[in-house]
Every structure is written in structure tokens, then in C-alpha cells.
Protein backbone atom coordinates (compact mmCIF):
# COMPACT_ATOMS: atom_id res chain seq x y z
CA MET A 1 0.00 0.00 0.00
CA ARG A 2 1.35 3.39 -0.99
CA VAL A 3 0.58 6.19 1.46
CA ASP A 4 0.46 9.91 0.70
CA TYR A 5 2.83 10.87 3.49
CA ARG A 6 2.56 14.56 2.61
CA GLN A 7 -0.95 14.54 3.99
CA VAL A 8 0.45 13.09 7.21
CA MET A 9 3.04 15.88 7.35
CA LYS A 10 0.23 18.43 7.11
CA GLU A 11 -1.53 16.70 10.01
CA ILE A 12 1.69 16.89 12.04
CA GLU A 13 2.19 20.54 11.23
CA SER A 14 -1.41 21.18 12.27
CA MET A 15 -1.01 19.29 15.55
CA THR A 16 2.15 21.21 16.42
CA THR A 17 0.62 24.67 16.31
CA MET A 18 -0.77 26.22 19.48
CA ASP A 19 -4.35 25.69 18.35
CA GLY A 20 -3.55 22.16 17.21
CA PHE A 21 -1.95 21.27 20.52
CA VAL A 22 -4.92 22.55 22.52
CA SER A 23 -7.61 21.05 20.27
CA THR A 24 -5.87 17.65 20.11
CA CYS A 25 -5.48 17.56 23.90
CA LEU A 26 -9.16 18.46 24.29
CA ASP A 27 -10.12 15.62 21.94
CA ILE A 28 -8.02 13.21 23.95
CA ARG A 29 -9.47 14.47 27.24
CA ASP A 30 -13.02 14.01 25.98
CA GLY A 31 -12.22 10.39 25.19
CA MET A 32 -10.88 9.63 28.67
CA MET A 33 -13.07 7.98 31.27
CA PHE A 34 -10.91 9.38 34.08
CA TYR A 35 -8.89 12.51 33.43
CA ASP A 36 -5.16 12.34 34.05
CA ARG A 37 -2.84 15.07 32.81
CA GLU A 38 0.18 12.82 32.43
CA LEU A 39 -1.74 10.25 30.39
CA LEU A 40 -3.26 12.99 28.26
CA LEU A 41 0.16 14.41 27.38
CA THR A 42 1.60 10.94 26.85
CA SER A 43 -1.24 10.15 24.45
CA TYR A 44 -0.64 13.38 22.55
CA SER A 45 3.12 12.85 22.27
CA SER A 46 2.80 9.16 21.35
CA THR A 47 0.34 9.94 18.54
CA LEU A 48 2.63 12.70 17.29
CA GLU A 49 5.66 10.41 17.58
CA LEU A 50 4.02 7.62 15.59
CA LEU A 51 3.01 10.05 12.86
CA LEU A 52 6.58 11.39 12.77
CA VAL A 53 8.25 8.00 12.42
CA SER A 54 5.63 6.88 9.91
CA THR A 55 6.35 9.95 7.80
CA LEU A 56 10.10 9.37 7.99
CA PHE A 57 9.57 5.74 6.96
CA TRP A 58 7.27 6.50 4.03
CA ALA A 59 9.30 9.48 2.79
CA GLY A 60 12.50 7.45 2.92
CA LEU A 61 11.00 4.83 0.61
CA GLU A 62 10.30 7.52 -1.99
CA SER A 63 13.74 9.12 -2.31
CA SER A 64 16.60 10.60 -0.32
CA ASP A 65 15.53 14.11 -1.31
CA GLU A 66 12.01 13.56 -0.03
CA ALA A 67 13.38 12.01 3.16
CA GLU A 68 15.55 15.08 3.78
CA GLU A 69 12.60 17.38 3.14
CA ALA A 70 10.47 15.42 5.61
CA GLU A 71 13.24 15.48 8.22
CA ALA A 72 13.56 19.27 7.89
CA ARG A 73 9.82 19.94 8.04
CA MET A 74 9.28 17.64 11.02
CA GLY A 75 12.20 19.24 12.85
CA GLU A 76 10.74 22.69 12.22
CA ALA A 77 7.34 21.50 13.47
CA LEU A 78 8.81 20.29 16.78
CA SER A 79 10.89 23.40 17.34
CA GLY A 80 7.93 25.59 16.36
CA LEU A 81 5.70 23.96 18.97
CA ARG A 82 8.32 24.51 21.66
CA LYS A 83 8.65 28.14 20.67
CA GLU A 84 4.88 28.73 20.74
CA LEU A 85 4.31 26.95 24.04
CA SER A 86 7.21 28.66 25.78
CA GLU A 87 6.86 32.20 24.41
CA SER A 88 3.11 32.78 23.91
CA LEU A 89 0.88 34.46 26.48
CA LEU A 90 -1.52 31.68 27.47
CA PRO A 91 -4.25 31.04 30.02
CA LEU A 92 -2.74 29.61 33.18
CA ASP A 93 -4.18 26.11 32.69
CA VAL A 94 -2.90 25.91 29.11
CA GLN A 95 0.47 27.33 30.17
CA ALA A 96 0.82 24.70 32.89
CA LEU A 97 -0.13 21.95 30.44
CA GLY A 98 2.35 23.25 27.87
CA GLU A 99 5.20 23.52 30.37
CA ARG A 100 4.61 19.99 31.57
CA TYR A 101 4.62 18.73 27.99
CA LEU A 102 7.85 20.55 27.13
CA ASN A 103 9.61 19.27 30.25
CA GLY A 104 8.29 15.72 29.95
CA PRO A 105 6.96 13.87 26.87
CA GLY A 106 7.84 16.71 24.51
CA TRP A 107 11.44 16.79 25.69
CA ALA A 108 11.73 13.01 25.25
CA LEU A 109 10.37 13.21 21.70
CA GLU A 110 12.79 16.02 20.81
CA GLN A 111 15.67 13.96 22.15
CA ARG A 112 14.63 10.92 20.16
CA PHE A 113 13.98 12.73 16.87
CA PRO A 114 17.67 12.82 15.77
CA MET A 115 17.90 9.13 16.62
CA TYR A 116 14.93 8.38 14.35
CA ILE A 117 16.53 10.34 11.53
CA GLU A 118 19.73 8.30 11.86
CA LEU A 119 17.75 5.07 12.17
CA PHE A 120 15.83 5.54 8.94
CA GLN A 121 18.94 6.71 7.10
CA VAL A 122 20.70 3.50 8.12
CA TYR A 123 17.65 1.38 7.30
CA ARG A 124 17.10 2.74 3.80
CA SER A 125 20.83 2.66 2.96
CA GLY A 126 21.19 -0.93 4.19
CA ALA A 127 24.16 0.05 6.37
CA TYR A 128 23.50 -2.69 8.91
CA ASP A 129 23.82 -6.46 9.23
CA PRO A 130 20.38 -8.02 9.84
CA ASN A 131 22.10 -11.01 11.48
CA ASP A 132 24.29 -9.02 13.88
CA ASP A 133 23.90 -9.69 17.58
CA VAL A 134 21.66 -6.99 19.06
CA ASP A 135 23.03 -7.35 22.59
CA ARG A 136 26.61 -7.03 21.34
CA LEU A 137 25.66 -3.84 19.52
CA LEU A 138 23.95 -2.43 22.61
CA ILE A 139 27.05 -3.10 24.71
CA THR A 140 29.01 -1.13 22.10
CA VAL A 141 26.46 1.71 22.24
CA GLN A 142 26.73 1.76 26.02
CA LYS A 143 30.52 2.11 25.85
CA GLN A 144 30.31 4.83 23.21
CA PHE A 145 27.84 6.86 25.25
CA LEU A 146 29.97 6.56 28.38
CA GLN A 147 32.96 7.83 26.41
CA GLY A 148 30.93 10.78 25.13
CA LEU A 149 30.95 9.45 21.55
CA TRP A 150 27.34 10.44 20.95
CA GLU A 151 27.36 10.46 17.15
CA GLU A 152 29.07 7.08 16.95
CA GLY A 153 26.67 5.71 19.56
CA LEU A 154 23.64 6.95 17.65
CA HIS A 155 24.91 5.32 14.46
CA THR A 156 25.41 1.99 16.21
CA LEU A 157 22.00 2.30 17.86
CA ALA A 158 20.46 3.02 14.45
CA GLN A 159 21.71 -0.41 13.36
CA VAL A 160 19.86 -1.91 16.31
CA GLY A 161 16.72 0.03 15.39
CA SER A 162 16.95 -1.15 11.79
CA GLN A 163 17.10 -4.74 12.98
CA VAL A 164 14.09 -4.18 15.25
CA MET A 165 12.17 -2.93 12.22
CA ARG A 166 13.04 -6.25 10.61
CA GLY A 167 11.70 -8.15 13.63
CA ALA A 168 14.75 -8.39 15.92
CA HIS A 169 14.14 -8.79 19.64
CA LEU A 170 15.09 -6.26 22.32
CA ARG A 171 15.72 -7.79 25.72
CA PRO A 172 13.81 -6.17 28.61
CA ILE A 173 16.95 -6.35 30.78
CA TRP A 174 18.34 -3.35 28.87
CA PHE A 175 15.66 -1.20 30.47
CA ARG A 176 17.28 -2.08 33.80
CA ILE A 177 20.98 -1.94 32.98
CA GLY A 178 21.20 0.53 30.10
CA HIS A 179 22.64 4.04 30.17
CA ALA A 180 19.88 6.56 30.92
CA ARG A 181 20.00 7.98 27.39
CA LEU A 182 20.11 4.49 25.90
CA GLN A 183 16.94 3.61 27.81
CA LEU A 184 15.27 6.73 26.46
CA TYR A 185 16.13 5.76 22.89
CA LEU A 186 15.23 2.09 23.32
CA ALA A 187 11.83 3.08 24.71
CA GLY A 188 11.21 4.96 21.48
CA ILE A 189 12.42 2.12 19.26
CA GLN A 190 10.34 -0.55 20.99
CA THR A 191 7.25 1.68 21.14
CA MET A 192 7.69 2.43 17.43
CA ALA A 193 7.85 -1.29 16.67
CA ASN A 194 4.81 -2.07 18.81
CA ASN A 195 2.76 0.66 17.19
CA PHE A 196 3.83 -0.32 13.69
CA SER A 197 2.62 -3.83 14.49
CA VAL A 198 -0.95 -2.69 15.26
CA ALA A 199 -1.37 0.45 13.17
CA PRO A 200 -3.07 0.37 9.75
CA TYR A 201 -1.10 0.89 6.52
CA PHE A 202 1.80 -1.29 7.72
CA SER A 203 2.85 -4.89 7.29
CA PHE A 204 5.19 -5.44 10.20
CA PRO A 205 7.94 -6.60 10.57
CA PHE A 206 9.33 -4.94 7.47
CA GLU A 207 11.53 -6.36 4.78
CA ASP A 208 14.67 -4.51 3.71
CA ALA A 209 14.13 -1.03 2.27
CA ALA A 210 14.56 -2.14 -1.35
CA THR A 211 11.86 -4.79 -0.96
CA GLU A 212 9.50 -2.41 0.84
CA ARG A 213 10.05 0.16 -1.89
CA GLN A 214 9.29 -2.43 -4.55
CA LYS A 215 6.11 -3.54 -2.75
CA ARG A 216 4.80 0.02 -2.73
CA SER A 217 5.74 0.73 -6.33
CA THR A 218 3.54 -2.14 -7.54
CA VAL A 219 0.41 -0.54 -6.07
CA GLY A 220 -1.12 2.25 -8.15
CA GLY A 221 -2.28 5.50 -6.55
CA SER A 222 -1.81 6.69 -3.00
CA VAL A 223 -3.86 6.22 0.14
CA VAL A 224 -4.64 9.33 2.16
CA VAL A 225 -4.35 8.68 5.89
CA ASP A 226 -7.51 9.42 7.88
CA LEU A 227 -6.12 10.60 11.21
CA GLY A 228 -9.44 9.98 12.97
CA ALA A 229 -9.64 6.42 11.74
CA PHE A 230 -5.97 6.02 12.47
CA ARG A 231 -6.56 6.96 16.14
CA ASN A 232 -9.66 4.80 16.45
CA ASP A 233 -7.88 1.77 15.06
CA ARG A 234 -5.05 2.26 17.54
CA SER A 235 -7.53 2.66 20.37
CA ASP A 236 -9.41 -0.51 19.48
CA LYS A 237 -6.29 -2.63 19.32
CA GLY A 238 -4.50 -1.00 22.23
CA SER A 239 -2.03 1.81 21.72
CA PHE A 240 1.52 1.73 22.97
CA THR A 241 3.47 4.54 24.59
CA ASP A 242 6.83 4.76 26.31
CA ARG A 243 4.86 4.45 29.54
CA ARG A 244 3.60 1.08 28.38
CA ILE A 245 6.51 -0.75 26.80
CA VAL A 246 5.46 -4.27 25.88
CA ILE A 247 8.03 -6.90 24.93
CA GLU A 248 7.13 -10.55 24.56
CA PRO A 249 9.83 -12.31 26.62
CA ASP A 250 11.60 -15.48 25.55
CA GLN A 251 13.01 -18.06 27.96
CA LEU A 252 16.32 -16.21 28.34
CA ASP A 253 14.45 -13.00 29.18
CA ARG A 254 12.53 -14.82 31.90
CA TRP A 255 15.74 -16.03 33.52
CA LEU A 256 17.34 -12.59 33.22
CA ASP A 257 14.27 -11.18 34.94
CA GLN A 258 15.13 -13.42 37.90
CA LEU A 259 18.47 -11.61 38.12
CA VAL A 260 16.71 -8.61 39.62
CA ASP A 261 14.59 -10.68 42.01
CA PRO A 262 16.47 -11.17 45.32
CA ALA A 263 13.95 -13.84 46.32
CA VAL A 264 15.49 -16.19 43.73
CA THR A 265 18.89 -17.57 44.70
CA VAL A 266 21.93 -16.74 42.61
CA GLU A 267 22.65 -20.46 42.18
CA LYS A 268 19.21 -21.05 40.69
CA VAL A 269 19.56 -18.14 38.28
CA ALA A 270 23.05 -19.33 37.29
CA ASP A 271 21.69 -22.81 36.52
CA GLY A 272 18.84 -21.37 34.48
CA LEU A 273 21.14 -19.12 32.47
CA SER A 274 23.81 -21.77 31.99
CA PRO A 275 22.50 -23.01 28.60
CA TYR A 276 22.84 -19.45 27.30
CA ARG A 277 26.18 -18.85 28.95
CA ASP A 278 28.18 -17.63 25.93
CA LYS A 279 25.47 -15.18 24.93
CA VAL A 280 24.53 -13.93 28.38
CA ALA A 281 27.98 -13.53 29.98
CA PRO A 282 28.66 -10.16 28.25
CA ILE A 283 25.20 -8.94 29.31
CA LEU A 284 25.92 -9.86 32.93
CA GLY A 285 29.26 -8.08 32.69
CA GLU A 286 27.48 -4.96 31.47
CA ALA A 287 24.93 -5.25 34.30
CA ALA A 288 27.78 -5.27 36.80
CA ARG A 289 29.53 -2.32 35.19
CA SER A 290 26.37 -0.20 34.96
CA SER A 291 25.68 -0.76 38.65
CA ALA A 292 29.15 0.59 39.45
CA ASP A 293 28.78 3.93 37.68
CA GLY A 294 25.23 4.47 38.90
CA GLU A 295 23.79 4.86 35.41
CA ALA A 296 21.00 2.30 35.70
CA ALA A 297 21.33 -1.03 37.48
CA ASP A 298 21.43 -0.96 41.27
CA SER A 299 24.19 -2.55 43.34
CA THR A 300 22.15 -5.67 44.06
CA VAL A 301 21.76 -6.46 40.37
CA GLY A 302 25.46 -5.85 39.74
CA ALA A 303 26.51 -7.99 42.69
CA ARG A 304 24.30 -10.89 41.59
CA ALA A 305 25.66 -10.65 38.05
CA LEU A 306 29.23 -10.86 39.37
CA GLN A 307 28.35 -13.82 41.57
CA ILE A 308 27.00 -15.73 38.57
CA LEU A 309 30.09 -14.97 36.48
CA ALA A 310 32.29 -16.13 39.35
CA LEU A 311 30.33 -19.38 39.67
CA TRP A 312 30.91 -19.99 35.97
CA GLY A 313 34.62 -19.10 36.20
CA SER A 314 33.98 -16.79 33.28
CA ARG A 315 36.59 -14.52 31.70
CA GLU A 316 33.92 -11.83 31.49
CA GLY A 317 33.72 -12.05 35.28
CA ALA A 318 37.28 -10.77 35.68
CA GLU A 319 36.77 -7.94 33.21
CA ALA A 320 33.46 -6.96 34.80
CA ALA A 321 34.98 -7.05 38.30
CA LEU A 322 37.84 -4.80 37.20
CA ASN A 323 35.40 -2.32 35.67
CA VAL A 324 33.46 -2.32 38.93
CA LEU A 325 36.57 -1.69 41.02
CA ALA A 326 37.60 1.17 38.74
CA GLU A 327 34.21 2.92 38.83
CA ALA A 328 32.39 2.00 42.04
CA ASP A 329 32.76 3.74 45.38
CA PRO A 330 34.86 1.58 47.75
CA TRP A 331 32.02 1.53 50.30
CA ASP A 332 29.49 0.30 47.74
CA SER A 333 28.49 -3.34 48.15
CA VAL A 334 29.23 -4.05 44.50
CA PHE A 335 32.87 -2.99 45.06
CA GLU A 336 33.34 -5.72 47.65
CA GLU A 337 31.60 -8.16 45.32
CA GLY A 338 34.12 -7.28 42.62
CA LEU A 339 36.96 -8.21 44.98
CA ARG A 340 35.26 -11.48 45.89
CA CYS A 341 34.79 -12.30 42.22
CA LEU A 342 38.51 -11.83 41.47
CA ARG A 343 39.51 -13.81 44.55
CA SER A 344 37.21 -16.64 43.46
CA LEU A 345 38.50 -16.65 39.89
CA GLY A 346 42.13 -16.69 41.06
CA HIS A 347 44.56 -17.55 38.24
CA LYS A 348 41.75 -17.30 35.64
CA ALA A 349 41.64 -13.57 36.31
CA VAL A 350 45.38 -13.00 35.81
CA PRO A 351 45.35 -12.28 32.02
CA SER A 352 42.55 -9.71 32.41
CA ILE A 353 44.24 -8.08 35.40
CA ARG A 354 47.58 -7.93 33.62
CA ARG A 355 45.99 -6.22 30.61
CA TYR A 356 44.12 -3.84 32.87
CA LEU A 357 47.18 -2.84 34.90
CA ARG A 358 49.14 -1.88 31.81
CA GLY A 359 46.97 1.20 31.48
CA GLN A 360 47.01 2.17 35.16
CA ARG A 361 49.30 4.29 37.30
CA GLN A 362 51.99 2.08 38.77
CA ASP A 363 51.44 3.55 42.21
CA GLY A 364 47.66 3.70 42.00
CA PRO A 365 45.73 2.44 45.04
CA LEU A 366 43.97 -0.20 42.97
CA MET A 367 47.29 -2.00 42.44
CA ALA A 368 47.62 -2.60 46.17
CA VAL A 369 43.97 -3.63 46.52
CA LEU A 370 44.29 -6.16 43.72
CA ALA A 371 47.51 -7.61 45.13
CA ASP A 372 45.99 -8.04 48.60
CA THR A 373 42.82 -9.63 47.16
CA LEU A 374 44.56 -12.12 44.90
CA SER A 375 46.95 -13.25 47.64
CA LYS A 376 44.00 -14.45 49.75
CA GLY A 377 42.79 -16.87 47.09
CA ARG A 378 43.98 -20.29 46.07
CA PRO A 379 47.80 -20.51 45.61
CA SER A 380 48.81 -20.33 41.97
CA LYS A 381 52.03 -19.83 40.03
CA ARG A 382 50.28 -17.41 37.67
CA VAL A 383 48.97 -15.32 40.54
CA ALA A 384 52.39 -15.34 42.23
CA GLY A 385 53.96 -14.15 38.98
CA LEU A 386 51.50 -11.29 38.76
CA LEU A 387 52.19 -10.33 42.37
CA ARG A 388 55.90 -10.14 41.55
CA GLU A 389 55.12 -7.77 38.69
CA ILE A 390 53.03 -5.56 40.97
CA PHE A 391 55.75 -5.55 43.64
CA ASP A 392 58.44 -4.61 41.13
CA SER A 393 56.35 -1.79 39.60
CA THR A 394 55.27 -0.06 42.82
CA HIS A 395 57.17 2.10 45.30
CA TRP A 396 57.50 2.15 49.07
CA GLY A 397 54.80 4.22 50.68
CA HIS A 398 52.63 3.89 47.58
CA GLY A 399 51.44 0.31 47.72
CA ARG A 400 54.69 -1.65 47.55
CA GLU A 401 54.46 -2.74 51.16
CA VAL A 402 50.96 -4.16 50.50
CA ALA A 403 52.24 -5.97 47.41
CA ALA A 404 55.11 -7.33 49.52
CA MET A 405 52.69 -8.64 52.14
CA ALA A 406 50.66 -10.27 49.37
CA LEU A 407 53.73 -11.87 47.83
CA THR A 408 54.80 -13.34 51.18
CA ARG A 409 51.47 -15.18 51.34
CA MET A 410 51.74 -16.75 47.91
CA GLY A 411 55.40 -16.45 46.95
CA THR A 412 58.41 -18.68 47.42
CA GLY A 413 61.38 -18.49 49.77
CA GLU A 414 63.27 -16.71 47.00
CA ASP A 415 60.53 -14.06 46.88
CA ILE A 416 60.94 -13.46 50.61
CA GLN A 417 64.67 -12.98 50.18
CA ASN A 418 64.09 -10.53 47.30
CA ILE A 419 61.68 -8.55 49.45
CA ARG A 420 64.28 -8.43 52.25
CA HIS A 421 66.93 -7.13 49.85
CA ALA A 422 64.52 -4.47 48.56
CA MET A 423 63.74 -3.40 52.12
CA GLU A 424 67.43 -3.02 52.93
CA LYS A 425 67.78 -0.56 50.05
CA ALA A 426 64.67 1.40 50.97
CA PRO A 427 64.95 4.78 52.76
CA ARG A 428 64.53 4.52 56.53
CA ASP A 429 61.27 6.51 56.44
CA ALA A 430 59.98 4.83 53.29
CA SER A 431 56.83 3.48 54.91
CA PRO A 432 55.27 3.32 58.38
CA TYR A 433 54.50 -0.33 57.71
CA MET A 434 58.12 -1.50 57.39
CA GLN A 435 58.24 -2.88 60.94
CA SER A 436 55.06 -4.84 60.43
CA LEU A 437 56.38 -6.19 57.13
CA GLN A 438 59.66 -7.29 58.80
CA GLU A 439 57.72 -9.21 61.43
CA THR A 440 55.64 -10.90 58.76
CA LEU A 441 58.76 -11.93 56.84
CA ALA A 442 60.29 -13.35 59.99
CA ASN A 443 57.24 -15.46 60.63
CA MET A 444 57.14 -16.68 57.04
CA GLU A 445 60.79 -17.72 56.74
CA GLY A 446 61.16 -21.43 57.08
CA ARG A 447 57.48 -22.00 56.35
CA VAL A 448 57.54 -21.34 52.60
CA ASP A 449 58.58 -23.99 50.11
CA GLY A 450 61.28 -22.45 47.98
CA SER A 451 60.33 -24.62 45.01
CA GLY A 452 57.20 -22.58 44.44
CA ASP A 453 55.32 -25.81 43.58
CA TYR A 454 51.68 -24.70 43.71
CA SER A 455 48.66 -26.59 42.56
């Protein structure tokens, strides 16, 4: 079916005038059984948002020039509404309604509009892999946003959105662990997909842009959208807004949902997720990291994710724990869980820790924390080797004494002798802990096997 999207643009431009805003809100209010301002504004913005994305979709199938014209006109419509609502002299009730819209649903729509433009540009150009892993892409988006790479993040997210238009599945867990801006964008993408699936004039999920363009070119004439019928059809089938995000969960989603339920034991969740281990381990790592920087997931979710990765002995567990230690406050429960995860992983964590430490200050406090933590785990040659590296790279008074203590616990008799020699060369006032370290060395001598034969 070929739609005359220009008629839809005129409807949008009408809705985004002062009179259009007021009259549309009055129509919505009259259709409500119980009046609620927030629901009224959400209904207005969701109808406007669906018309916007529909126009961008239809215009993009016509030509790039028409898509650019639609993008410009829709952008002007949104900015024009903000200008009118914020600068016009209005009755107090209308002014209050307008301010709430601009600071709530209207702001969210304005933030998402550039994302929609990028999404449909990527979709119609085919600059995405329909078989790419959505969760892997979202982890990339998360990293790009945290690094302030907003344009790159939007482009990667547009690839996700293009896949969702083709029927790809978004996991609900991302609305718990995603960056705040990522959650805002994902709410728009999923709501768009849900509304496309129930709205008239669409056959959802879509094929690639070339196929959709071909399907429309085989139908003569254009259909003019009846906005009234459009609204009624949505109402009959159940409209979707970003306040009502509906995702049909699969079995993996159901187990991930248990991650945030403290009533379900970590062991049970780990067993349930085990068949999906390769796929879900990076998601759990991201859940732990996001709980550390306070962007989305709370400390309980992050701690439970780390516990599962530790139970699996997963490489992602070491990387996630290091990210947590680097970003979390030391008094946060997830920080302690990160230490426990590394201690549990023991020698399996050494490669990740070694890579991580290459980019850190040699005398940074985390070096000493890591050395102390690893030394309290199971004895291992690989761990002992890493402790030697930490000891050699630090300085007295800046963590070297802690590294020395750690090495005495897991090192060999030769290590103890090397520590003694280093202490003899140290300045007399190098560290207030020298006396304590000498006592520890005295206690350890004769009790350590110089062969270094660890299991």
C-alpha cells in the first residue's frame, strides 16, 4: 500500500501549532473515562511520535531528497511547537499543560527525533547487518555513550533500530541496565515497533528497504491517511506509549528477569542461564559495570551478576569485576563483590588483570587492593607471577608494602629474600609499615617452600 505521506506531514504541522496542541489535547481528554494530565500528554506525544516516524519511513522509501525534506519539516514543526508553548501568552491552565509537555513527553520526543533520523537513514541505505547480535551492539552503544561518543553511539544504535524494524528482539533487561540515554532511545524504538505492528497501513515486521520500496511501487495510486480512523484503530487494538513498553519475553528473558529478584537464589539463576552462557555472559558483565557507575542497574543487580560470572569461572567475570573496582565507590556493596569475584576466579583472572594494569598508574591504590585480594585466594604460580610484577612496579609508601605482604602469602622463599633485599635498600622513612612487614617476613621464613610448587 502506498501512502500519501505529505498529507500526514500536514496533520503533524497542524497538531504542532498552538491551536492544534490545545484542540488535540481536548479531543483526547473528551475520550478519557478518568482525566489524568500525564496520560493525556503521553497520548498526545505518542500519537505525534508515531506520525513522525511513519512519515520518515514512508518518505524514505520515496527518495533521499524527499526524506531530507520530511526530516527538515518535522524538525521545524517540533521546534515551532516549543517556541509557541514557551513564548506565547496563554491562560494559566494551558500554560501549565504546555510547560509539563515541554519538560516531559515533549522533551523526550525532541531527544529521540535525531535518533529516528539516523535510524531511517541507516535502514534505507542498508548500512546494517540483519544477522548481527543486538546485545553485542547495545554493549558497544553503552561504551560509546559513556565515552561521550554520541554520534558514533547513535549510528550503532540506528543499526539496532533497523534490525528491530526487521523483527529483531530487544531484551527487557536493557531497560534495567542501560545508560539513561540508551533507555530513552530504546523506549522509542520498541514503542515504534509495537505501534507499527498494530497500526493500519503497515505490514510489520518490514523487509529490507529495497523490498519495501518495490512492494509500494507495484500498487497504483496513494492512500490518504484518515487521522481519525488512524486513532480509532489504535484505540481498538490497544495503543503503545513509552509508559507502556510491551516486549514478549523469551526463555532467556525470563531467567534474566530473575536476576533482579532477590527472592530467587543466585545459584538457581546461574543454573537457568547456563544453557545461554556464551550469549549472556557479556550482558551480565554490562549489568555489573552499569551498577558501578550508577547509570542504571542498582548494586544488588550488579553484585548478583558478578556472583554468577564467578560461579561460571567466566573470563567476562574478571573484566566486569575490574570495571566495577575502577568505577564504584569503595564503600558500595558491589565494590566488595568485585573483589570477591577476582579472589574466586584466582589464576583465571590473571590475564585480564595484567591487561588492565598496563593502562594504570603504577602507584595507583587499585594496584595494592588487587595484590591483597589475589593473595587471599587459592595458591597459583600465575597469581604469584602477577604479584611479583606488581611488587616490582610499585614504590615504598605507595602500595609496595601491600604488594610485599601479598607476595609473602603466595610467593616462594626466593621471593621473601628478594623482598628483604629491597627493604634493605629502601629509605629509613619509606613506609610506616616496614616494621610490620619485617615481622611478617620473619614469621614466614622457614614456612615457605622455595620450590614454588603450587597446585
